[in-house]
Amino acid sequence: MALVALAAGTVGGVEPVSCLMRAGIAYLTGVIATQLWYVFFTIRVVRDRDEPMQLEATAPVEGER
């Protein structure tokens, strides 16, 4: 998004300082939006250390004794 803002400003004949400011704002917006995405939309896996890990159910398999 920052590169698009920079390219659009350059093609549009906008001052270089203004182009860099727009690109910087677009970059910071992307960084903040990415962090918010990870905070609200990722799955957090929390494992209790006191409980042993179980790989499968403890029911006996048919034919085993």
N, C-alpha and C. Protein backbone atom coordinates (compact mmCIF):
# COMPACT_ATOMS: atom_id res chain seq x y z
N MET A 1 0.82 -1.17 0.00
CA MET A 1 0.00 0.00 0.00
C MET A 1 0.87 1.25 0.00
N ALA A 2 1.99 1.20 0.71
CA ALA A 2 2.89 2.34 0.75
C ALA A 2 3.52 2.59 -0.61
N LEU A 3 3.88 1.51 -1.31
CA LEU A 3 4.46 1.67 -2.65
C LEU A 3 3.45 2.23 -3.63
N VAL A 4 2.21 1.85 -3.50
CA VAL A 4 1.15 2.36 -4.38
C VAL A 4 0.97 3.86 -4.13
N ALA A 5 0.97 4.27 -2.87
CA ALA A 5 0.84 5.69 -2.55
C ALA A 5 2.02 6.48 -3.10
N LEU A 6 3.20 5.93 -2.99
CA LEU A 6 4.39 6.60 -3.49
C LEU A 6 4.36 6.70 -5.01
N ALA A 7 4.01 5.61 -5.69
CA ALA A 7 3.94 5.62 -7.15
C ALA A 7 2.84 6.56 -7.65
N ALA A 8 1.69 6.57 -7.01
CA ALA A 8 0.60 7.45 -7.43
C ALA A 8 0.98 8.91 -7.26
N GLY A 9 1.67 9.22 -6.19
CA GLY A 9 2.10 10.60 -5.99
C GLY A 9 3.14 11.03 -7.00
N THR A 10 4.06 10.14 -7.34
CA THR A 10 5.09 10.46 -8.33
C THR A 10 4.48 10.66 -9.70
N VAL A 11 3.58 9.78 -10.10
CA VAL A 11 2.93 9.90 -11.41
C VAL A 11 2.02 11.13 -11.46
N GLY A 12 1.40 11.46 -10.33
CA GLY A 12 0.48 12.59 -10.28
C GLY A 12 1.16 13.94 -10.18
N GLY A 13 2.46 13.97 -10.06
CA GLY A 13 3.19 15.23 -10.00
C GLY A 13 3.14 15.91 -8.64
N VAL A 14 3.00 15.15 -7.58
CA VAL A 14 2.95 15.72 -6.22
C VAL A 14 4.39 15.88 -5.73
N GLU A 15 4.60 16.81 -4.80
CA GLU A 15 5.94 17.05 -4.25
C GLU A 15 6.52 15.78 -3.64
N PRO A 16 7.83 15.60 -3.72
CA PRO A 16 8.46 14.39 -3.15
C PRO A 16 8.25 14.24 -1.64
N VAL A 17 8.30 15.34 -0.90
CA VAL A 17 8.12 15.27 0.56
C VAL A 17 6.71 14.80 0.88
N SER A 18 5.75 15.30 0.14
CA SER A 18 4.36 14.91 0.35
C SER A 18 4.16 13.43 0.00
N CYS A 19 4.82 13.00 -1.07
CA CYS A 19 4.74 11.58 -1.47
C CYS A 19 5.30 10.68 -0.37
N LEU A 20 6.46 11.07 0.19
CA LEU A 20 7.07 10.25 1.24
C LEU A 20 6.21 10.25 2.50
N MET A 21 5.59 11.37 2.82
CA MET A 21 4.70 11.41 3.98
C MET A 21 3.50 10.50 3.78
N ARG A 22 2.92 10.53 2.60
CA ARG A 22 1.77 9.66 2.31
C ARG A 22 2.18 8.19 2.35
N ALA A 23 3.35 7.88 1.80
CA ALA A 23 3.82 6.50 1.83
C ALA A 23 4.09 6.05 3.26
N GLY A 24 4.66 6.93 4.08
CA GLY A 24 4.92 6.60 5.48
C GLY A 24 3.64 6.37 6.27
N ILE A 25 2.64 7.21 6.01
CA ILE A 25 1.35 7.03 6.68
C ILE A 25 0.69 5.73 6.25
N ALA A 26 0.78 5.42 4.96
CA ALA A 26 0.21 4.16 4.47
C ALA A 26 0.93 2.96 5.08
N TYR A 27 2.25 3.06 5.23
CA TYR A 27 3.03 1.97 5.83
C TYR A 27 2.63 1.77 7.29
N LEU A 28 2.57 2.85 8.05
CA LEU A 28 2.20 2.74 9.47
C LEU A 28 0.78 2.21 9.64
N THR A 29 -0.12 2.63 8.76
CA THR A 29 -1.48 2.12 8.81
C THR A 29 -1.49 0.61 8.58
N GLY A 30 -0.69 0.14 7.63
CA GLY A 30 -0.61 -1.30 7.36
C GLY A 30 -0.03 -2.07 8.53
N VAL A 31 1.00 -1.53 9.16
CA VAL A 31 1.61 -2.20 10.31
C VAL A 31 0.61 -2.30 11.47
N ILE A 32 -0.08 -1.20 11.75
CA ILE A 32 -1.05 -1.20 12.85
C ILE A 32 -2.22 -2.13 12.54
N ALA A 33 -2.70 -2.11 11.30
CA ALA A 33 -3.82 -2.98 10.92
C ALA A 33 -3.42 -4.46 11.02
N THR A 34 -2.19 -4.77 10.65
CA THR A 34 -1.72 -6.15 10.75
C THR A 34 -1.67 -6.60 12.21
N GLN A 35 -1.18 -5.75 13.09
CA GLN A 35 -1.12 -6.10 14.51
C GLN A 35 -2.52 -6.30 15.09
N LEU A 36 -3.45 -5.42 14.71
CA LEU A 36 -4.83 -5.58 15.19
C LEU A 36 -5.44 -6.87 14.67
N TRP A 37 -5.13 -7.23 13.44
CA TRP A 37 -5.64 -8.48 12.86
C TRP A 37 -5.16 -9.67 13.70
N TYR A 38 -3.87 -9.68 14.03
CA TYR A 38 -3.33 -10.79 14.82
C TYR A 38 -3.92 -10.83 16.23
N VAL A 39 -4.20 -9.67 16.79
CA VAL A 39 -4.74 -9.64 18.15
C VAL A 39 -6.17 -10.19 18.18
N PHE A 40 -6.99 -9.81 17.21
CA PHE A 40 -8.41 -10.16 17.27
C PHE A 40 -8.79 -11.41 16.50
N PHE A 41 -8.02 -11.82 15.51
CA PHE A 41 -8.49 -12.90 14.63
C PHE A 41 -7.58 -14.12 14.57
N THR A 42 -6.65 -14.26 15.46
CA THR A 42 -5.85 -15.48 15.48
C THR A 42 -6.32 -16.37 16.62
N ILE A 43 -6.07 -17.65 16.48
CA ILE A 43 -6.45 -18.61 17.50
C ILE A 43 -5.29 -18.76 18.47
N ARG A 44 -5.58 -18.62 19.72
CA ARG A 44 -4.54 -18.78 20.73
C ARG A 44 -4.64 -20.17 21.32
N VAL A 45 -3.53 -20.86 21.34
CA VAL A 45 -3.48 -22.20 21.90
C VAL A 45 -2.81 -22.10 23.27
N VAL A 46 -3.57 -22.41 24.30
CA VAL A 46 -3.05 -22.38 25.66
C VAL A 46 -3.16 -23.79 26.22
N ARG A 47 -2.04 -24.35 26.62
CA ARG A 47 -2.02 -25.69 27.16
C ARG A 47 -1.69 -25.63 28.64
N ASP A 48 -2.46 -26.33 29.44
CA ASP A 48 -2.22 -26.39 30.88
C ASP A 48 -1.05 -27.32 31.12
N ARG A 49 -0.04 -26.86 31.82
CA ARG A 49 1.17 -27.67 32.02
C ARG A 49 0.97 -28.80 33.04
N ASP A 50 -0.07 -28.71 33.86
CA ASP A 50 -0.30 -29.76 34.86
C ASP A 50 -0.89 -31.03 34.27
N GLU A 51 -1.60 -30.91 33.17
CA GLU A 51 -2.24 -32.07 32.56
C GLU A 51 -1.30 -32.71 31.54
N PRO A 52 -1.18 -34.05 31.55
CA PRO A 52 -0.36 -34.71 30.53
C PRO A 52 -1.03 -34.62 29.16
N MET A 53 -0.20 -34.57 28.11
CA MET A 53 -0.74 -34.50 26.77
C MET A 53 -1.33 -35.84 26.36
N GLN A 54 -2.52 -35.84 25.81
CA GLN A 54 -3.16 -37.07 25.35
C GLN A 54 -3.22 -37.01 23.84
N LEU A 55 -2.70 -38.04 23.20
CA LEU A 55 -2.69 -38.06 21.75
C LEU A 55 -3.97 -38.63 21.17
N GLU A 56 -4.53 -39.65 21.84
CA GLU A 56 -5.75 -40.28 21.35
C GLU A 56 -6.67 -40.59 22.53
N ALA A 57 -7.88 -40.97 22.21
CA ALA A 57 -8.83 -41.35 23.26
C ALA A 57 -8.32 -42.58 23.98
N THR A 58 -8.75 -42.75 25.23
CA THR A 58 -8.27 -43.87 26.04
C THR A 58 -9.13 -45.11 25.89
N ALA A 59 -10.15 -45.10 25.04
CA ALA A 59 -10.99 -46.28 24.84
C ALA A 59 -10.17 -47.38 24.19
N PRO A 60 -10.37 -48.65 24.65
CA PRO A 60 -9.58 -49.76 24.07
C PRO A 60 -9.98 -50.01 22.61
N VAL A 61 -9.00 -50.41 21.84
CA VAL A 61 -9.24 -50.72 20.44
C VAL A 61 -9.81 -52.14 20.34
N GLU A 62 -10.74 -52.32 19.44
CA GLU A 62 -11.40 -53.63 19.29
C GLU A 62 -10.34 -54.68 18.93
N GLY A 63 -10.38 -55.81 19.64
CA GLY A 63 -9.43 -56.89 19.37
C GLY A 63 -8.25 -56.87 20.33
N GLU A 64 -8.03 -55.78 21.07
CA GLU A 64 -6.95 -55.69 22.04
C GLU A 64 -7.44 -56.13 23.40
N ARG A 65 -6.63 -56.81 24.17
CA ARG A 65 -7.02 -57.20 25.53
C ARG A 65 -5.90 -56.96 26.47
